[in-house]
Amino acid sequence: RRVHGDVLTRSHTNHKWYKCAHHGSTSNGAILNIQCLDNVVRYVRIRMTHKGYLAICEAQVWAIPVHAYKKDYILSNSQKTTQSSTYANGVSGRAVDGHTYSAWGKGSCTWTKNENRPWWEVNIGAVYRIHRIAWYMRMDGYSYQFTHVDILIRSSRSYEWKLAHRFWGRGEQSAGYVVEVKKNAKYVKFQVRDGPRMLSLCEVRVYGQR
């Protein structure tokens, strides 16, 4: 049986609920990992989107204290980007436009052609200490266009790429993902390990200190 639901968050009882994720393909007995990025929250609510019964065996909320990254900057916004190819006007700059819209119709997602090992890259302008990298994928049925992706970093065009994170499997219907890096770099690259495939990103945020 399929169960459709939303994950909602808010930081105060007087604030409105924010929908950080929707999942429309949950079967009985499934374990879901939902990531709500860039949210300072105190309350989490799981809500069904249709009439019925809701049964939860365990809910765990993992978080980073607010003070841990209070001095971080988003280093990637409006920076220079490139990608291996462009399909349907899904230009590379869309992933650093500051919007986390996760539907193609919003005009904020990139898209490469179907090719071997497609990639997307951002130049954050200088070598900075990168603490974490977050990315948002499509939630309009095309999240599978983020499958078997490596996140690579380097400090100069003359240096070889170094692996910062290896993403196994395919993207799910989640608001996004975040990984800790704690390395110095100027360039960040997302590259599919095999193919032919397409690569689509709705937002990439590189956090660190200037």
N, C-alpha and C. Protein backbone atom coordinates (compact mmCIF):
# COMPACT_ATOMS: atom_id res chain seq x y z
N ARG A 1 0.84 -1.19 0.00
CA ARG A 1 0.00 0.00 0.00
C ARG A 1 0.87 1.24 0.00
N ARG A 2 0.53 2.24 -0.82
CA ARG A 2 1.28 3.48 -0.90
C ARG A 2 0.77 4.49 0.12
N VAL A 3 1.69 5.22 0.71
CA VAL A 3 1.32 6.25 1.68
C VAL A 3 1.99 7.55 1.26
N HIS A 4 1.21 8.60 1.08
CA HIS A 4 1.74 9.90 0.68
C HIS A 4 1.79 10.82 1.89
N GLY A 5 2.91 11.52 2.08
CA GLY A 5 3.01 12.37 3.24
C GLY A 5 4.00 13.49 3.07
N ASP A 6 3.93 14.46 4.00
CA ASP A 6 4.83 15.61 4.03
C ASP A 6 5.60 15.61 5.34
N VAL A 7 6.81 16.18 5.31
CA VAL A 7 7.57 16.46 6.52
C VAL A 7 7.59 17.97 6.67
N LEU A 8 7.07 18.46 7.81
CA LEU A 8 6.95 19.89 8.07
C LEU A 8 7.84 20.29 9.23
N THR A 9 8.36 21.51 9.19
CA THR A 9 9.21 22.00 10.28
C THR A 9 8.85 23.44 10.60
N ARG A 10 9.15 23.85 11.83
CA ARG A 10 9.07 25.26 12.20
C ARG A 10 9.93 25.49 13.44
N SER A 11 10.33 26.73 13.67
CA SER A 11 11.23 27.04 14.78
C SER A 11 10.52 27.59 16.01
N HIS A 12 9.25 27.97 15.87
CA HIS A 12 8.52 28.55 17.01
C HIS A 12 7.04 28.24 16.84
N THR A 13 6.31 28.16 17.94
CA THR A 13 4.89 27.83 17.87
C THR A 13 4.09 28.90 17.15
N ASN A 14 4.61 30.13 17.07
CA ASN A 14 3.90 31.20 16.38
C ASN A 14 4.23 31.28 14.89
N HIS A 15 5.17 30.46 14.44
CA HIS A 15 5.57 30.48 13.04
C HIS A 15 4.75 29.49 12.22
N LYS A 16 4.67 29.74 10.93
CA LYS A 16 3.98 28.83 10.03
C LYS A 16 4.84 27.59 9.80
N TRP A 17 4.17 26.48 9.48
CA TRP A 17 4.88 25.26 9.13
C TRP A 17 5.48 25.39 7.74
N TYR A 18 6.72 24.88 7.59
CA TYR A 18 7.41 24.88 6.31
C TYR A 18 7.52 23.43 5.82
N LYS A 19 7.11 23.18 4.59
CA LYS A 19 7.20 21.82 4.04
C LYS A 19 8.60 21.61 3.47
N CYS A 20 9.37 20.78 4.13
CA CYS A 20 10.74 20.56 3.68
C CYS A 20 10.85 19.37 2.74
N ALA A 21 9.87 18.47 2.75
CA ALA A 21 9.95 17.31 1.86
C ALA A 21 8.58 16.67 1.70
N HIS A 22 8.40 16.00 0.57
CA HIS A 22 7.20 15.22 0.31
C HIS A 22 7.62 13.86 -0.22
N HIS A 23 6.96 12.82 0.23
CA HIS A 23 7.26 11.49 -0.29
C HIS A 23 5.96 10.83 -0.71
N GLY A 24 5.91 10.40 -1.96
CA GLY A 24 4.69 9.84 -2.48
C GLY A 24 4.77 8.37 -2.83
N SER A 25 5.83 7.68 -2.39
CA SER A 25 5.98 6.28 -2.76
C SER A 25 6.47 5.43 -1.59
N THR A 26 5.86 5.66 -0.44
CA THR A 26 6.25 4.93 0.76
C THR A 26 5.40 3.67 0.93
N SER A 27 6.03 2.53 1.01
CA SER A 27 5.32 1.27 1.21
C SER A 27 5.38 0.88 2.68
N ASN A 28 4.52 -0.03 3.07
CA ASN A 28 4.53 -0.52 4.44
C ASN A 28 5.89 -1.13 4.76
N GLY A 29 6.44 -0.81 5.93
CA GLY A 29 7.71 -1.35 6.35
C GLY A 29 8.92 -0.61 5.83
N ALA A 30 8.72 0.47 5.09
CA ALA A 30 9.84 1.20 4.50
C ALA A 30 10.54 2.08 5.53
N ILE A 31 11.84 2.31 5.30
CA ILE A 31 12.62 3.26 6.09
C ILE A 31 12.97 4.43 5.19
N LEU A 32 12.61 5.63 5.62
CA LEU A 32 12.84 6.83 4.81
C LEU A 32 13.91 7.70 5.45
N ASN A 33 14.80 8.25 4.62
CA ASN A 33 15.77 9.24 5.07
C ASN A 33 15.44 10.55 4.38
N ILE A 34 14.97 11.52 5.14
CA ILE A 34 14.59 12.82 4.61
C ILE A 34 15.53 13.87 5.17
N GLN A 35 16.08 14.72 4.31
CA GLN A 35 17.00 15.76 4.76
C GLN A 35 16.38 17.13 4.50
N CYS A 36 16.30 17.94 5.54
CA CYS A 36 15.78 19.30 5.46
C CYS A 36 16.95 20.26 5.62
N LEU A 37 17.40 20.82 4.54
CA LEU A 37 18.61 21.63 4.56
C LEU A 37 18.31 23.09 4.86
N ASP A 38 19.28 23.76 5.47
CA ASP A 38 19.23 25.21 5.69
C ASP A 38 18.06 25.65 6.55
N ASN A 39 17.58 24.77 7.40
CA ASN A 39 16.45 25.12 8.26
C ASN A 39 16.89 25.15 9.72
N VAL A 40 16.54 26.23 10.42
CA VAL A 40 16.73 26.30 11.86
C VAL A 40 15.37 25.98 12.48
N VAL A 41 15.26 24.83 13.11
CA VAL A 41 13.94 24.36 13.52
C VAL A 41 13.98 23.85 14.97
N ARG A 42 12.78 23.79 15.52
CA ARG A 42 12.58 23.19 16.85
C ARG A 42 11.52 22.09 16.79
N TYR A 43 10.56 22.23 15.90
CA TYR A 43 9.45 21.30 15.80
C TYR A 43 9.45 20.60 14.44
N VAL A 44 9.16 19.31 14.44
CA VAL A 44 9.05 18.52 13.22
C VAL A 44 7.71 17.80 13.23
N ARG A 45 6.99 17.88 12.12
CA ARG A 45 5.69 17.22 12.01
C ARG A 45 5.66 16.35 10.77
N ILE A 46 5.14 15.14 10.90
CA ILE A 46 4.92 14.24 9.77
C ILE A 46 3.43 14.17 9.52
N ARG A 47 3.02 14.50 8.30
CA ARG A 47 1.58 14.64 8.01
C ARG A 47 1.22 13.88 6.74
N MET A 48 0.17 13.11 6.81
CA MET A 48 -0.36 12.46 5.61
C MET A 48 -1.11 13.48 4.77
N THR A 49 -1.09 13.30 3.47
CA THR A 49 -1.76 14.23 2.56
C THR A 49 -3.11 13.72 2.08
N HIS A 50 -3.57 12.63 2.68
CA HIS A 50 -4.90 12.12 2.35
C HIS A 50 -5.50 11.48 3.60
N LYS A 51 -6.77 11.19 3.55
CA LYS A 51 -7.46 10.62 4.70
C LYS A 51 -7.00 9.18 4.92
N GLY A 52 -6.76 8.83 6.19
CA GLY A 52 -6.36 7.46 6.49
C GLY A 52 -5.69 7.37 7.84
N TYR A 53 -5.02 6.24 8.10
CA TYR A 53 -4.30 6.01 9.35
C TYR A 53 -2.81 6.29 9.13
N LEU A 54 -2.18 6.80 10.18
CA LEU A 54 -0.74 7.04 10.15
C LEU A 54 -0.10 6.26 11.29
N ALA A 55 0.83 5.36 10.96
CA ALA A 55 1.54 4.57 11.97
C ALA A 55 3.03 4.75 11.76
N ILE A 56 3.74 5.14 12.82
CA ILE A 56 5.18 5.36 12.77
C ILE A 56 5.83 4.53 13.87
N CYS A 57 6.80 3.71 13.50
CA CYS A 57 7.48 2.88 14.50
C CYS A 57 8.65 3.59 15.15
N GLU A 58 9.28 4.51 14.45
CA GLU A 58 10.41 5.26 15.01
C GLU A 58 10.64 6.49 14.16
N ALA A 59 10.87 7.62 14.83
CA ALA A 59 11.24 8.86 14.15
C ALA A 59 12.47 9.43 14.83
N GLN A 60 13.54 9.62 14.07
CA GLN A 60 14.78 10.17 14.61
C GLN A 60 15.12 11.45 13.86
N VAL A 61 15.43 12.50 14.61
CA VAL A 61 15.79 13.79 14.03
C VAL A 61 17.26 14.06 14.35
N TRP A 62 18.07 14.16 13.33
CA TRP A 62 19.50 14.42 13.47
C TRP A 62 19.77 15.85 13.05
N ALA A 63 20.54 16.58 13.85
CA ALA A 63 20.75 17.99 13.58
C ALA A 63 22.13 18.44 14.02
N ILE A 64 22.52 19.60 13.53
CA ILE A 64 23.77 20.26 13.93
C ILE A 64 23.40 21.49 14.74
N PRO A 65 23.98 21.71 15.90
CA PRO A 65 23.67 22.91 16.68
C PRO A 65 23.87 24.18 15.86
N VAL A 66 23.02 25.15 16.07
CA VAL A 66 23.06 26.38 15.29
C VAL A 66 24.43 27.04 15.35
N HIS A 67 25.05 27.03 16.51
CA HIS A 67 26.33 27.74 16.67
C HIS A 67 27.46 27.09 15.90
N ALA A 68 27.29 25.84 15.45
CA ALA A 68 28.39 25.13 14.81
C ALA A 68 28.80 25.76 13.49
N TYR A 69 27.84 26.34 12.77
CA TYR A 69 28.16 26.91 11.46
C TYR A 69 27.71 28.36 11.35
N LYS A 70 27.65 29.06 12.44
CA LYS A 70 27.12 30.42 12.41
C LYS A 70 27.99 31.39 11.62
N LYS A 71 29.27 31.06 11.39
CA LYS A 71 30.16 31.95 10.65
C LYS A 71 30.32 31.53 9.20
N ASP A 72 29.59 30.52 8.76
CA ASP A 72 29.70 30.04 7.39
C ASP A 72 29.05 30.99 6.40
N TYR A 73 29.62 31.04 5.21
CA TYR A 73 29.04 31.78 4.10
C TYR A 73 28.70 30.80 2.98
N ILE A 74 27.72 31.16 2.18
CA ILE A 74 27.47 30.41 0.95
C ILE A 74 28.43 30.95 -0.10
N LEU A 75 29.42 30.17 -0.46
CA LEU A 75 30.49 30.62 -1.34
C LEU A 75 30.17 30.46 -2.81
N SER A 76 29.12 29.75 -3.12
CA SER A 76 28.84 29.38 -4.51
C SER A 76 27.80 30.26 -5.20
N ASN A 77 27.02 31.04 -4.46
CA ASN A 77 25.95 31.81 -5.08
C ASN A 77 26.46 32.74 -6.17
N SER A 78 25.85 32.65 -7.35
CA SER A 78 26.13 33.53 -8.50
C SER A 78 27.57 33.42 -9.00
N GLN A 79 28.26 32.35 -8.66
CA GLN A 79 29.62 32.17 -9.14
C GLN A 79 29.62 31.52 -10.53
N LYS A 80 30.79 31.50 -11.16
CA LYS A 80 30.92 30.97 -12.51
C LYS A 80 30.75 29.46 -12.51
N THR A 81 29.93 28.96 -13.42
CA THR A 81 29.66 27.52 -13.51
C THR A 81 29.82 27.04 -14.94
N THR A 82 30.07 25.77 -15.09
CA THR A 82 30.10 25.11 -16.39
C THR A 82 29.52 23.70 -16.22
N GLN A 83 29.16 23.09 -17.34
CA GLN A 83 28.72 21.70 -17.30
C GLN A 83 29.05 21.05 -18.64
N SER A 84 28.99 19.73 -18.67
CA SER A 84 29.45 18.98 -19.83
C SER A 84 28.61 19.24 -21.07
N SER A 85 27.33 19.51 -20.91
CA SER A 85 26.43 19.83 -22.02
C SER A 85 25.16 20.42 -21.44
N THR A 86 24.29 20.93 -22.29
CA THR A 86 23.04 21.53 -21.82
C THR A 86 21.87 20.98 -22.63
N TYR A 87 20.84 20.56 -21.91
CA TYR A 87 19.64 20.05 -22.54
C TYR A 87 18.44 20.90 -22.14
N ALA A 88 17.59 21.24 -23.09
CA ALA A 88 16.33 21.94 -22.84
C ALA A 88 16.51 23.22 -22.04
N ASN A 89 17.58 23.95 -22.32
CA ASN A 89 17.86 25.24 -21.66
C ASN A 89 18.14 25.09 -20.16
N GLY A 90 18.53 23.91 -19.73
CA GLY A 90 18.89 23.71 -18.33
C GLY A 90 20.34 24.12 -18.08
N VAL A 91 20.61 25.42 -18.20
CA VAL A 91 21.98 25.95 -18.14
C VAL A 91 22.57 25.77 -16.74
N SER A 92 23.90 25.73 -16.68
CA SER A 92 24.60 25.42 -15.43
C SER A 92 24.39 26.45 -14.34
N GLY A 93 24.20 27.72 -14.71
CA GLY A 93 24.05 28.78 -13.72
C GLY A 93 22.80 28.68 -12.88
N ARG A 94 21.84 27.90 -13.32
CA ARG A 94 20.62 27.74 -12.53
C ARG A 94 20.88 27.14 -11.15
N ALA A 95 21.95 26.36 -11.01
CA ALA A 95 22.21 25.68 -9.74
C ALA A 95 22.83 26.59 -8.69
N VAL A 96 23.15 27.84 -9.05
CA VAL A 96 23.70 28.78 -8.07
C VAL A 96 22.92 30.09 -8.09
N ASP A 97 21.63 30.01 -8.42
CA ASP A 97 20.80 31.22 -8.49
C ASP A 97 20.17 31.59 -7.15
N GLY A 98 20.45 30.80 -6.10
CA GLY A 98 19.93 31.10 -4.77
C GLY A 98 18.56 30.53 -4.49
N HIS A 99 17.96 29.83 -5.47
CA HIS A 99 16.63 29.25 -5.28
C HIS A 99 16.73 27.74 -5.17
N THR A 100 15.90 27.17 -4.33
CA THR A 100 15.90 25.72 -4.14
C THR A 100 14.65 25.07 -4.74
N TYR A 101 14.03 25.75 -5.71
CA TYR A 101 12.87 25.16 -6.37
C TYR A 101 13.26 23.81 -6.95
N SER A 102 12.43 22.80 -6.73
CA SER A 102 12.79 21.44 -7.13
C SER A 102 11.91 20.88 -8.24
N ALA A 103 11.21 21.77 -8.96
CA ALA A 103 10.41 21.36 -10.11
C ALA A 103 10.95 22.06 -11.36
N TRP A 104 11.03 21.32 -12.45
CA TRP A 104 11.60 21.85 -13.69
C TRP A 104 10.88 23.12 -14.15
N GLY A 105 9.59 23.16 -13.98
CA GLY A 105 8.80 24.30 -14.44
C GLY A 105 9.14 25.62 -13.77
N LYS A 106 9.83 25.59 -12.63
CA LYS A 106 10.23 26.81 -11.93
C LYS A 106 11.43 27.49 -12.58
N GLY A 107 12.09 26.81 -13.52
CA GLY A 107 13.21 27.41 -14.22
C GLY A 107 14.47 27.56 -13.40
N SER A 108 14.68 26.67 -12.42
CA SER A 108 15.83 26.80 -11.53
C SER A 108 16.70 25.54 -11.47
N CYS A 109 16.48 24.60 -12.39
CA CYS A 109 17.24 23.34 -12.39
C CYS A 109 18.09 23.23 -13.65
N THR A 110 19.27 22.66 -13.50
CA THR A 110 20.15 22.38 -14.63
C THR A 110 19.73 21.06 -15.27
N TRP A 111 20.29 20.79 -16.46
CA TRP A 111 20.00 19.51 -17.12
C TRP A 111 21.03 19.30 -18.22
N THR A 112 21.74 18.20 -18.15
CA THR A 112 22.67 17.87 -19.23
C THR A 112 22.01 16.92 -20.22
N LYS A 113 22.67 16.72 -21.33
CA LYS A 113 22.21 15.73 -22.29
C LYS A 113 22.52 14.33 -21.77
N ASN A 114 21.93 13.34 -22.41
CA ASN A 114 22.18 11.95 -22.06
C ASN A 114 23.54 11.56 -22.65
N GLU A 115 24.53 11.39 -21.78
CA GLU A 115 25.90 11.17 -22.25
C GLU A 115 26.69 10.38 -21.22
N ASN A 116 27.88 9.98 -21.58
CA ASN A 116 28.75 9.27 -20.66
C ASN A 116 29.35 10.24 -19.65
N ARG A 117 29.22 9.94 -18.38
CA ARG A 117 29.81 10.67 -17.27
C ARG A 117 29.58 12.18 -17.34
N PRO A 118 28.33 12.63 -17.42
CA PRO A 118 28.07 14.07 -17.43
C PRO A 118 28.52 14.71 -16.13
N TRP A 119 28.82 16.02 -16.18
CA TRP A 119 29.34 16.71 -15.00
C TRP A 119 28.84 18.14 -14.94
N TRP A 120 28.93 18.71 -13.74
CA TRP A 120 28.61 20.11 -13.46
C TRP A 120 29.69 20.64 -12.52
N GLU A 121 30.11 21.92 -12.71
CA GLU A 121 31.23 22.46 -11.94
C GLU A 121 30.99 23.92 -11.57
N VAL A 122 31.48 24.31 -10.39
CA VAL A 122 31.42 25.71 -9.97
C VAL A 122 32.80 26.16 -9.52
N ASN A 123 33.15 27.38 -9.88
CA ASN A 123 34.38 28.05 -9.43
C ASN A 123 33.95 29.06 -8.37
N ILE A 124 34.34 28.85 -7.11
CA ILE A 124 33.87 29.74 -6.03
C ILE A 124 34.72 31.00 -5.89
N GLY A 125 35.66 31.20 -6.83
CA GLY A 125 36.35 32.48 -6.92
C GLY A 125 37.73 32.53 -6.31
N ALA A 126 37.99 31.75 -5.27
CA ALA A 126 39.28 31.70 -4.61
C ALA A 126 39.34 30.42 -3.78
N VAL A 127 40.51 30.13 -3.25
CA VAL A 127 40.64 28.95 -2.39
C VAL A 127 40.11 29.30 -1.00
N TYR A 128 39.06 28.59 -0.60
CA TYR A 128 38.45 28.79 0.71
C TYR A 128 38.41 27.47 1.47
N ARG A 129 38.24 27.58 2.77
CA ARG A 129 38.02 26.41 3.60
C ARG A 129 36.56 26.00 3.47
N ILE A 130 36.31 24.88 2.81
CA ILE A 130 34.94 24.41 2.60
C ILE A 130 34.55 23.48 3.74
N HIS A 131 33.46 23.79 4.42
CA HIS A 131 32.99 22.97 5.53
C HIS A 131 32.00 21.91 5.06
N ARG A 132 31.11 22.27 4.18
CA ARG A 132 30.09 21.32 3.74
C ARG A 132 29.56 21.73 2.38
N ILE A 133 28.98 20.77 1.69
CA ILE A 133 28.38 20.99 0.38
C ILE A 133 26.97 20.42 0.43
N ALA A 134 26.01 21.22 0.03
CA ALA A 134 24.61 20.80 -0.01
C ALA A 134 24.11 20.88 -1.45
N TRP A 135 23.20 20.00 -1.78
CA TRP A 135 22.62 20.05 -3.12
C TRP A 135 21.16 19.61 -3.07
N TYR A 136 20.40 20.18 -3.99
CA TYR A 136 18.97 19.92 -4.10
C TYR A 136 18.70 19.29 -5.46
N MET A 137 17.88 18.26 -5.46
CA MET A 137 17.55 17.57 -6.70
C MET A 137 16.09 17.81 -7.06
N ARG A 138 15.73 17.33 -8.22
CA ARG A 138 14.34 17.49 -8.67
C ARG A 138 13.40 16.58 -7.89
N MET A 139 12.22 17.11 -7.59
CA MET A 139 11.19 16.35 -6.88
C MET A 139 9.93 16.22 -7.72
N ASP A 140 10.10 16.31 -9.04
CA ASP A 140 8.96 16.22 -9.95
C ASP A 140 8.95 14.90 -10.71
N GLY A 141 9.55 13.88 -10.10
CA GLY A 141 9.59 12.57 -10.74
C GLY A 141 10.90 12.28 -11.45
N TYR A 142 11.84 13.24 -11.41
CA TYR A 142 13.11 13.07 -12.12
C TYR A 142 14.31 13.06 -11.17
N SER A 143 14.10 12.71 -9.92
CA SER A 143 15.22 12.66 -8.98
C SER A 143 16.24 11.59 -9.36
N TYR A 144 15.82 10.62 -10.19
CA TYR A 144 16.75 9.59 -10.63
C TYR A 144 17.85 10.15 -11.53
N GLN A 145 17.72 11.40 -11.96
CA GLN A 145 18.77 12.00 -12.78
C GLN A 145 19.91 12.54 -11.92
N PHE A 146 20.01 12.00 -10.73
CA PHE A 146 21.18 12.16 -9.88
C PHE A 146 21.51 10.77 -9.37
N THR A 147 22.31 10.03 -10.13
CA THR A 147 22.60 8.63 -9.86
C THR A 147 24.09 8.36 -9.98
N HIS A 148 24.66 7.68 -8.98
CA HIS A 148 26.08 7.32 -8.97
C HIS A 148 26.96 8.54 -9.25
N VAL A 149 26.89 9.52 -8.37
CA VAL A 149 27.60 10.79 -8.58
C VAL A 149 28.75 10.95 -7.59
N ASP A 150 29.90 11.38 -8.10
CA ASP A 150 31.04 11.74 -7.27
C ASP A 150 31.10 13.26 -7.11
N ILE A 151 31.42 13.73 -5.89
CA ILE A 151 31.66 15.15 -5.66
C ILE A 151 33.16 15.32 -5.51
N LEU A 152 33.73 16.13 -6.40
CA LEU A 152 35.18 16.30 -6.48
C LEU A 152 35.56 17.74 -6.18
N ILE A 153 36.76 17.94 -5.64
CA ILE A 153 37.25 19.28 -5.34
C ILE A 153 38.71 19.41 -5.76
N ARG A 154 39.12 20.65 -6.02
CA ARG A 154 40.53 20.94 -6.25
C ARG A 154 40.76 22.44 -6.06
N SER A 155 42.01 22.80 -5.83
CA SER A 155 42.35 24.19 -5.53
C SER A 155 42.86 24.96 -6.73
N SER A 156 43.24 24.26 -7.81
CA SER A 156 43.78 24.91 -9.00
C SER A 156 43.47 24.06 -10.22
N ARG A 157 43.40 24.69 -11.39
CA ARG A 157 43.18 23.96 -12.62
C ARG A 157 44.32 22.98 -12.90
N SER A 158 45.49 23.26 -12.36
CA SER A 158 46.65 22.40 -12.60
C SER A 158 46.71 21.21 -11.66
N TYR A 159 45.82 21.16 -10.67
CA TYR A 159 45.81 20.05 -9.73
C TYR A 159 44.82 18.98 -10.18
N GLU A 160 45.04 17.77 -9.75
CA GLU A 160 44.10 16.69 -10.03
C GLU A 160 42.89 16.81 -9.09
N TRP A 161 41.76 16.29 -9.56
CA TRP A 161 40.56 16.28 -8.73
C TRP A 161 40.73 15.29 -7.58
N LYS A 162 40.21 15.67 -6.41
CA LYS A 162 40.20 14.80 -5.25
C LYS A 162 38.76 14.49 -4.87
N LEU A 163 38.51 13.27 -4.48
CA LEU A 163 37.16 12.85 -4.12
C LEU A 163 36.78 13.38 -2.75
N ALA A 164 35.69 14.14 -2.69
CA ALA A 164 35.18 14.66 -1.42
C ALA A 164 34.05 13.79 -0.88
N HIS A 165 33.27 13.22 -1.79
CA HIS A 165 32.14 12.37 -1.37
C HIS A 165 31.70 11.53 -2.55
N ARG A 166 31.33 10.30 -2.26
CA ARG A 166 30.80 9.40 -3.30
C ARG A 166 29.35 9.07 -2.96
N PHE A 167 28.46 9.44 -3.85
CA PHE A 167 27.02 9.21 -3.67
C PHE A 167 26.65 7.92 -4.39
N TRP A 168 26.19 6.94 -3.61
CA TRP A 168 25.82 5.65 -4.18
C TRP A 168 24.32 5.62 -4.50
N GLY A 169 23.96 4.87 -5.51
CA GLY A 169 22.55 4.71 -5.84
C GLY A 169 21.99 5.91 -6.57
N ARG A 170 20.70 6.10 -6.43
CA ARG A 170 20.00 7.17 -7.12
C ARG A 170 19.32 8.08 -6.12
N GLY A 171 19.10 9.32 -6.53
CA GLY A 171 18.45 10.28 -5.67
C GLY A 171 17.01 9.88 -5.36
N GLU A 172 16.55 10.25 -4.17
CA GLU A 172 15.19 9.99 -3.77
C GLU A 172 14.40 11.29 -3.73
N GLN A 173 13.11 11.18 -3.47
CA GLN A 173 12.25 12.34 -3.39
C GLN A 173 12.48 13.06 -2.07
N SER A 174 13.62 13.72 -1.94
CA SER A 174 13.99 14.41 -0.72
C SER A 174 14.30 15.86 -1.04
N ALA A 175 14.19 16.72 -0.03
CA ALA A 175 14.47 18.13 -0.26
C ALA A 175 15.92 18.35 -0.65
N GLY A 176 16.84 17.50 -0.21
CA GLY A 176 18.23 17.68 -0.56
C GLY A 176 19.14 16.85 0.32
N TYR A 177 20.42 17.01 0.07
CA TYR A 177 21.44 16.27 0.80
C TYR A 177 22.55 17.23 1.20
N VAL A 178 23.30 16.87 2.23
CA VAL A 178 24.43 17.68 2.67
C VAL A 178 25.53 16.74 3.16
N VAL A 179 26.78 17.09 2.83
CA VAL A 179 27.93 16.30 3.29
C VAL A 179 28.97 17.26 3.85
N GLU A 180 29.69 16.81 4.86
CA GLU A 180 30.80 17.59 5.40
C GLU A 180 32.05 17.32 4.59
N VAL A 181 32.83 18.37 4.37
CA VAL A 181 34.03 18.26 3.54
C VAL A 181 35.28 18.61 4.34
N LYS A 182 35.32 19.82 4.91
CA LYS A 182 36.44 20.30 5.72
C LYS A 182 37.77 20.22 4.96
N LYS A 183 37.76 20.78 3.74
CA LYS A 183 38.94 20.82 2.89
C LYS A 183 39.05 22.20 2.25
N ASN A 184 40.27 22.55 1.82
CA ASN A 184 40.48 23.78 1.07
C ASN A 184 40.31 23.50 -0.42
N ALA A 185 39.56 24.37 -1.10
CA ALA A 185 39.34 24.16 -2.53
C ALA A 185 38.81 25.44 -3.17
N LYS A 186 38.93 25.49 -4.49
CA LYS A 186 38.39 26.59 -5.29
C LYS A 186 37.33 26.09 -6.27
N TYR A 187 37.45 24.84 -6.66
CA TYR A 187 36.52 24.25 -7.64
C TYR A 187 35.80 23.06 -7.03
N VAL A 188 34.51 22.97 -7.32
CA VAL A 188 33.68 21.85 -6.88
C VAL A 188 32.99 21.27 -8.11
N LYS A 189 33.05 19.96 -8.22
CA LYS A 189 32.51 19.30 -9.41
C LYS A 189 31.63 18.12 -9.03
N PHE A 190 30.49 17.99 -9.67
CA PHE A 190 29.61 16.83 -9.55
C PHE A 190 29.73 16.05 -10.86
N GLN A 191 30.12 14.78 -10.77
CA GLN A 191 30.28 13.99 -11.99
C GLN A 191 29.69 12.60 -11.82
N VAL A 192 28.88 12.19 -12.79
CA VAL A 192 28.32 10.85 -12.81
C VAL A 192 29.43 9.86 -13.13
N ARG A 193 29.44 8.73 -12.45
CA ARG A 193 30.54 7.78 -12.60
C ARG A 193 30.40 6.88 -13.82
N ASP A 194 29.21 6.81 -14.41
CA ASP A 194 29.01 5.92 -15.53
C ASP A 194 28.07 6.58 -16.54
N GLY A 195 27.47 5.82 -17.38
CA GLY A 195 26.55 6.38 -18.37
C GLY A 195 26.24 5.35 -19.45
N PRO A 196 25.49 5.83 -20.44
CA PRO A 196 25.02 7.21 -20.59
C PRO A 196 23.89 7.55 -19.62
N ARG A 197 23.97 8.77 -19.07
CA ARG A 197 22.95 9.28 -18.15
C ARG A 197 22.81 10.78 -18.36
N MET A 198 21.76 11.33 -17.75
CA MET A 198 21.60 12.77 -17.62
C MET A 198 21.92 13.17 -16.19
N LEU A 199 22.31 14.44 -16.00
CA LEU A 199 22.55 14.98 -14.66
C LEU A 199 21.74 16.26 -14.51
N SER A 200 20.96 16.32 -13.43
CA SER A 200 20.13 17.50 -13.18
C SER A 200 20.28 17.92 -11.73
N LEU A 201 20.56 19.21 -11.50
CA LEU A 201 20.70 19.79 -10.17
C LEU A 201 19.83 21.04 -10.09
N CYS A 202 19.14 21.20 -8.95
CA CYS A 202 18.30 22.38 -8.78
C CYS A 202 18.98 23.46 -7.94
N GLU A 203 19.94 23.10 -7.12
CA GLU A 203 20.71 24.08 -6.38
C GLU A 203 21.91 23.39 -5.75
N VAL A 204 23.04 24.07 -5.78
CA VAL A 204 24.25 23.62 -5.09
C VAL A 204 24.72 24.75 -4.19
N ARG A 205 25.00 24.43 -2.94
CA ARG A 205 25.48 25.43 -1.99
C ARG A 205 26.76 24.92 -1.34
N VAL A 206 27.82 25.68 -1.55
CA VAL A 206 29.11 25.38 -0.97
C VAL A 206 29.29 26.31 0.22
N TYR A 207 29.40 25.76 1.43
CA TYR A 207 29.50 26.55 2.65
C TYR A 207 30.94 26.52 3.16
N GLY A 208 31.40 27.69 3.63
CA GLY A 208 32.72 27.74 4.19
C GLY A 208 33.05 29.13 4.72
N GLN A 209 34.33 29.36 4.97
CA GLN A 209 34.79 30.63 5.52
C GLN A 209 35.66 31.35 4.51
N ARG A 210 35.41 32.67 4.42
CA ARG A 210 36.23 33.50 3.54
C ARG A 210 37.46 33.96 4.28
